[in-house]
Every structure is written in C-alpha cells, then in structure tokens.
PDB file of N, CA and C in Angstrom:
ATOM      1  N   MET A   1     140.887  79.698-139.285  1.00  0.00           N
ATOM      2  CA  MET A   1     139.966  79.870-140.231  1.00  0.00           C
ATOM      3  C   MET A   1     140.530  81.053-141.526  1.00  0.00           C
ATOM      4  N   PRO A   2     140.894  80.700-142.615  1.00  0.00           N
ATOM      5  CA  PRO A   2     141.137  81.738-143.582  1.00  0.00           C
ATOM      6  C   PRO A   2     140.043  82.754-144.104  1.00  0.00           C
ATOM      7  N   THR A   3     140.369  83.608-143.816  1.00  0.00           N
ATOM      8  CA  THR A   3     139.810  85.010-143.621  1.00  0.00           C
ATOM      9  C   THR A   3     139.841  85.963-144.768  1.00  0.00           C
ATOM     10  N   LEU A   4     139.249  86.486-145.687  1.00  0.00           N
ATOM     11  CA  LEU A   4     139.082  87.182-146.799  1.00  0.00           C
ATOM     12  C   LEU A   4     138.160  88.393-146.408  1.00  0.00           C
ATOM     13  N   ILE A   5     138.995  89.693-146.217  1.00  0.00           N
ATOM     14  CA  ILE A   5     138.047  90.867-146.063  1.00  0.00           C
ATOM     15  C   ILE A   5     138.320  91.962-147.176  1.00  0.00           C
ATOM     16  N   ILE A   6     137.043  92.102-148.309  1.00  0.00           N
ATOM     17  CA  ILE A   6     137.448  93.527-149.243  1.00  0.00           C
ATOM     18  C   ILE A   6     136.783  93.969-148.851  1.00  0.00           C
ATOM     19  N   HIS A   7     137.090  95.332-149.117  1.00  0.00           N
ATOM     20  CA  HIS A   7     136.544  96.706-149.085  1.00  0.00           C
ATOM     21  C   HIS A   7     136.860  97.857-149.950  1.00  0.00           C
ATOM     22  N   GLY A   8     135.821  98.590-150.209  1.00  0.00           N
ATOM     23  CA  GLY A   8     136.022  99.499-151.202  1.00  0.00           C
ATOM     24  C   GLY A   8     136.547 100.568-150.149  1.00  0.00           C
ATOM     25  N   GLU A   9     137.478 101.376-150.701  1.00  0.00           N
ATOM     26  CA  GLU A   9     138.377 102.284-149.719  1.00  0.00           C
ATOM     27  C   GLU A   9     137.359 103.968-149.833  1.00  0.00           C
ATOM     28  N   ASP A  10     136.266 103.840-150.591  1.00  0.00           N
ATOM     29  CA  ASP A  10     135.603 105.000-150.985  1.00  0.00           C
ATOM     30  C   ASP A  10     134.309 104.853-150.622  1.00  0.00           C
ATOM     31  N   ASP A  11     134.010 103.584-149.702  1.00  0.00           N
ATOM     32  CA  ASP A  11     132.676 103.299-149.021  1.00  0.00           C
ATOM     33  C   ASP A  11     132.119 104.509-147.937  1.00  0.00           C
ATOM     34  N   GLN A  12     130.732 105.189-148.493  1.00  0.00           N
ATOM     35  CA  GLN A  12     130.248 106.112-147.808  1.00  0.00           C
ATOM     36  C   GLN A  12     129.528 105.228-146.685  1.00  0.00           C
ATOM     37  N   ILE A  13     129.008 103.998-147.193  1.00  0.00           N
ATOM     38  CA  ILE A  13     127.696 103.797-146.246  1.00  0.00           C
ATOM     39  C   ILE A  13     128.329 102.973-145.022  1.00  0.00           C
ATOM     40  N   VAL A  14     129.743 102.222-145.261  1.00  0.00           N
ATOM     41  CA  VAL A  14     130.312 101.800-144.158  1.00  0.00           C
ATOM     42  C   VAL A  14     131.854 101.569-144.355  1.00  0.00           C
ATOM     43  N   PRO A  15     132.333 102.991-143.403  1.00  0.00           N
ATOM     44  CA  PRO A  15     133.774 103.327-143.661  1.00  0.00           C
ATOM     45  C   PRO A  15     134.787 102.305-143.866  1.00  0.00           C
ATOM     46  N   ILE A  16     135.776 102.044-144.328  1.00  0.00           N
ATOM     47  CA  ILE A  16     136.658 101.352-144.115  1.00  0.00           C
ATOM     48  C   ILE A  16     137.314 101.244-142.918  1.00  0.00           C
ATOM     49  N   ASP A  17     137.720 102.225-142.671  1.00  0.00           N
ATOM     50  CA  ASP A  17     138.424 102.295-140.865  1.00  0.00           C
ATOM     51  C   ASP A  17     137.324 101.673-139.779  1.00  0.00           C
ATOM     52  N   ALA A  18     136.065 101.758-139.862  1.00  0.00           N
ATOM     53  CA  ALA A  18     134.831 101.451-138.864  1.00  0.00           C
ATOM     54  C   ALA A  18     134.648  99.778-139.214  1.00  0.00           C
ATOM     55  N   ALA A  19     134.998  99.393-140.291  1.00  0.00           N
ATOM     56  CA  ALA A  19     134.338  98.036-140.727  1.00  0.00           C
ATOM     57  C   ALA A  19     135.859  97.399-141.454  1.00  0.00           C
ATOM     58  N   GLY A  20     136.258  97.474-142.455  1.00  0.00           N
ATOM     59  CA  GLY A  20     137.173  96.397-143.023  1.00  0.00           C
ATOM     60  C   GLY A  20     138.550  96.506-142.204  1.00  0.00           C
ATOM     61  N   ARG A  21     139.348  97.843-142.193  1.00  0.00           N
ATOM     62  CA  ARG A  21     140.569  97.640-141.023  1.00  0.00           C
ATOM     63  C   ARG A  21     140.004  97.113-139.411  1.00  0.00           C
ATOM     64  N   ALA A  22     138.741  97.506-139.338  1.00  0.00           N
ATOM     65  CA  ALA A  22     138.725  97.010-137.737  1.00  0.00           C
ATOM     66  C   ALA A  22     138.826  95.352-137.691  1.00  0.00           C
ATOM     67  N   SER A  23     137.861  94.737-138.742  1.00  0.00           N
ATOM     68  CA  SER A  23     137.720  93.696-138.935  1.00  0.00           C
ATOM     69  C   SER A  23     139.000  92.811-139.153  1.00  0.00           C
ATOM     70  N   ALA A  24     139.795  93.151-139.923  1.00  0.00           N
ATOM     71  CA  ALA A  24     141.330  92.785-139.970  1.00  0.00           C
ATOM     72  C   ALA A  24     142.147  92.591-138.894  1.00  0.00           C
ATOM     73  N   ALA A  25     141.933  93.853-137.990  1.00  0.00           N
ATOM     74  CA  ALA A  25     142.159  93.856-137.007  1.00  0.00           C
ATOM     75  C   ALA A  25     142.032  92.885-135.843  1.00  0.00           C
ATOM     76  N   LEU A  26     140.668  92.723-135.750  1.00  0.00           N
ATOM     77  CA  LEU A  26     140.410  91.270-134.849  1.00  0.00           C
ATOM     78  C   LEU A  26     140.408  90.243-135.288  1.00  0.00           C
ATOM     79  N   ILE A  27     140.455  89.724-136.306  1.00  0.00           N
ATOM     80  CA  ILE A  27     140.825  88.398-137.086  1.00  0.00           C
ATOM     81  C   ILE A  27     142.056  88.268-137.312  1.00  0.00           C
ATOM     82  N   PRO A  28     142.711  87.423-136.312  1.00  0.00           N
ATOM     83  CA  PRO A  28     143.848  86.953-136.682  1.00  0.00           C
ATOM     84  C   PRO A  28     144.032  86.263-137.830  1.00  0.00           C
ATOM     85  N   GLY A  29     145.170  86.835-138.683  1.00  0.00           N
ATOM     86  CA  GLY A  29     145.599  85.946-140.027  1.00  0.00           C
ATOM     87  C   GLY A  29     144.957  86.314-140.933  1.00  0.00           C
ATOM     88  N   SER A  30     144.026  87.069-141.135  1.00  0.00           N
ATOM     89  CA  SER A  30     142.841  87.767-141.991  1.00  0.00           C
ATOM     90  C   SER A  30     144.062  88.776-143.211  1.00  0.00           C
ATOM     91  N   VAL A  31     143.255  88.386-144.286  1.00  0.00           N
ATOM     92  CA  VAL A  31     143.794  89.128-145.625  1.00  0.00           C
ATOM     93  C   VAL A  31     142.702  90.228-145.604  1.00  0.00           C
ATOM     94  N   LEU A  32     143.318  91.424-145.556  1.00  0.00           N
ATOM     95  CA  LEU A  32     142.572  92.650-146.118  1.00  0.00           C
ATOM     96  C   LEU A  32     142.749  92.849-147.636  1.00  0.00           C
ATOM     97  N   LYS A  33     141.830  93.332-148.663  1.00  0.00           N
ATOM     98  CA  LYS A  33     142.241  93.693-149.443  1.00  0.00           C
ATOM     99  C   LYS A  33     141.234  94.713-149.859  1.00  0.00           C
ATOM    100  N   THR A  34     141.998  95.846-150.482  1.00  0.00           N
ATOM    101  CA  THR A  34     141.280  97.087-150.433  1.00  0.00           C
ATOM    102  C   THR A  34     141.152  97.605-152.041  1.00  0.00           C
ATOM    103  N   TYR A  35     140.331  98.151-152.476  1.00  0.00           N
ATOM    104  CA  TYR A  35     139.903  98.501-153.444  1.00  0.00           C
ATOM    105  C   TYR A  35     140.016  99.952-153.983  1.00  0.00           C
ATOM    106  N   PRO A  36     141.124 100.369-153.959  1.00  0.00           N
ATOM    107  CA  PRO A  36     141.162 102.680-154.178  1.00  0.00           C
ATOM    108  C   PRO A  36     139.727 102.676-155.081  1.00  0.00           C
ATOM    109  N   GLY A  37     139.180 103.978-154.449  1.00  0.00           N
ATOM    110  CA  GLY A  37     138.233 104.642-155.108  1.00  0.00           C
ATOM    111  C   GLY A  37     136.711 103.638-155.287  1.00  0.00           C
ATOM    112  N   ALA A  38     137.254 102.326-154.416  1.00  0.00           N
ATOM    113  CA  ALA A  38     135.396 101.725-154.574  1.00  0.00           C
ATOM    114  C   ALA A  38     134.854 102.093-153.760  1.00  0.00           C
ATOM    115  N   PRO A  39     133.481 102.487-154.047  1.00  0.00           N
ATOM    116  CA  PRO A  39     131.931 102.617-153.227  1.00  0.00           C
ATOM    117  C   PRO A  39     131.757 101.225-152.467  1.00  0.00           C
ATOM    118  N   HIS A  40     130.511 101.190-151.952  1.00  0.00           N
ATOM    119  CA  HIS A  40     130.006 100.456-150.899  1.00  0.00           C
ATOM    120  C   HIS A  40     129.578  99.047-152.022  1.00  0.00           C
ATOM    121  N   GLY A  41     128.767  99.505-153.212  1.00  0.00           N
ATOM    122  CA  GLY A  41     128.582  98.090-153.806  1.00  0.00           C
ATOM    123  C   GLY A  41     129.536  97.583-154.856  1.00  0.00           C
ATOM    124  N   ILE A  42     130.702  97.144-154.246  1.00  0.00           N
ATOM    125  CA  ILE A  42     131.527  96.689-155.388  1.00  0.00           C
ATOM    126  C   ILE A  42     131.381  95.154-155.755  1.00  0.00           C
ATOM    127  N   THR A  43     130.054  94.551-155.224  1.00  0.00           N
ATOM    128  CA  THR A  43     129.546  93.492-156.011  1.00  0.00           C
ATOM    129  C   THR A  43     129.272  93.878-157.085  1.00  0.00           C
ATOM    130  N   ASP A  44     128.824  95.026-157.665  1.00  0.00           N
ATOM    131  CA  ASP A  44     128.494  95.547-158.985  1.00  0.00           C
ATOM    132  C   ASP A  44     129.779  96.199-159.761  1.00  0.00           C
ATOM    133  N   THR A  45     130.029  97.012-158.981  1.00  0.00           N
ATOM    134  CA  THR A  45     131.278  98.035-159.472  1.00  0.00           C
ATOM    135  C   THR A  45     132.171  97.651-159.879  1.00  0.00           C
ATOM    136  N   HIS A  46     132.711  96.526-159.076  1.00  0.00           N
ATOM    137  CA  HIS A  46     134.074  95.829-159.377  1.00  0.00           C
ATOM    138  C   HIS A  46     133.835  94.463-159.697  1.00  0.00           C
ATOM    139  N   LYS A  47     132.790  93.694-159.792  1.00  0.00           N
ATOM    140  CA  LYS A  47     132.276  92.568-159.972  1.00  0.00           C
ATOM    141  C   LYS A  47     133.637  91.226-160.543  1.00  0.00           C
ATOM    142  N   ASP A  48     134.356  92.120-161.690  1.00  0.00           N
ATOM    143  CA  ASP A  48     135.438  91.159-162.262  1.00  0.00           C
ATOM    144  C   ASP A  48     136.723  90.982-161.278  1.00  0.00           C
ATOM    145  N   GLN A  49     137.026  92.475-160.834  1.00  0.00           N
ATOM    146  CA  GLN A  49     137.984  92.138-159.828  1.00  0.00           C
ATOM    147  C   GLN A  49     138.091  91.189-158.174  1.00  0.00           C
ATOM    148  N   LEU A  50     136.469  91.821-158.064  1.00  0.00           N
ATOM    149  CA  LEU A  50     136.014  90.984-156.908  1.00  0.00           C
ATOM    150  C   LEU A  50     135.890  89.211-157.271  1.00  0.00           C
ATOM    151  N   ASN A  51     135.770  88.757-158.148  1.00  0.00           N
ATOM    152  CA  ASN A  51     135.275  87.559-158.401  1.00  0.00           C
ATOM    153  C   ASN A  51     137.008  86.824-158.570  1.00  0.00           C
ATOM    154  N   ALA A  52     137.562  87.757-159.335  1.00  0.00           N
ATOM    155  CA  ALA A  52     139.112  87.190-159.822  1.00  0.00           C
ATOM    156  C   ALA A  52     139.668  87.036-158.274  1.00  0.00           C
ATOM    157  N   ASP A  53     139.580  87.830-157.167  1.00  0.00           N
ATOM    158  CA  ASP A  53     140.545  87.775-155.951  1.00  0.00           C
ATOM    159  C   ASP A  53     139.382  86.748-155.147  1.00  0.00           C
ATOM    160  N   LEU A  54     138.510  86.688-155.573  1.00  0.00           N
ATOM    161  CA  LEU A  54     137.824  85.703-154.247  1.00  0.00           C
ATOM    162  C   LEU A  54     138.390  84.091-154.854  1.00  0.00           C
ATOM    163  N   LEU A  55     138.337  83.955-155.757  1.00  0.00           N
ATOM    164  CA  LEU A  55     138.765  82.676-156.569  1.00  0.00           C
ATOM    165  C   LEU A  55     140.223  82.831-156.313  1.00  0.00           C
ATOM    166  N   ALA A  56     141.018  83.741-156.272  1.00  0.00           N
ATOM    167  CA  ALA A  56     142.866  83.546-156.192  1.00  0.00           C
ATOM    168  C   ALA A  56     142.359  83.249-154.452  1.00  0.00           C
ATOM    169  N   PHE A  57     141.470  83.419-153.797  1.00  0.00           N
ATOM    170  CA  PHE A  57     141.590  83.718-152.282  1.00  0.00           C
ATOM    171  C   PHE A  57     141.341  81.995-152.057  1.00  0.00           C
ATOM    172  N   ILE A  58     140.475  81.786-152.781  1.00  0.00           N
ATOM    173  CA  ILE A  58     140.001  80.022-152.330  1.00  0.00           C
ATOM    174  C   ILE A  58     141.072  78.966-153.124  1.00  0.00           C
ATOM    175  N   GLN A  59     141.807  79.045-154.471  1.00  0.00           N
ATOM    176  CA  GLN A  59     142.575  78.605-154.924  1.00  0.00           C
ATOM    177  C   GLN A  59     143.816  78.823-154.156  1.00  0.00           C
ATOM    178  N   GLY A  60     144.030  79.508-153.369  1.00  0.00           N
ATOM    179  CA  GLY A  60     145.499  79.813-153.045  1.00  0.00           C
ATOM    180  C   GLY A  60     145.893  79.071-151.481  1.00  0.00           C
TER     181      GLY A  60
END
C-alpha cells in the first residue's frame, strides 16, 4: 500500500524521531517527506506545500 508520511522537523508536540522517522522505518516502501523548521500544525502553517505534496503523491 503506498504510504506518504509528512512530518515537520521542528514538531515539539510529536517529535519527528518518535513518530515520522519511526513510522517510515516500520512501513515498508513508505515515503517520508520532512519540512525543515515546520511545527506540529503543518496543515495550517504549510498548507500550500502540504497540498502540493499530497497531490503529487496521489498522481504519482
């Protein structure tokens, strides 16, 4: 199953190593996309980049 994991590198609520990178290591063939300096709320702070990445993954 194609799986995209997107995580902000500066997430103070759910640290990237404990969640994003750990999830990517557990899901074979997954794609981890990180946003440098991005906080926990990337759906608000990085919505344009997030939407573009989601569409690219779905279309790809």
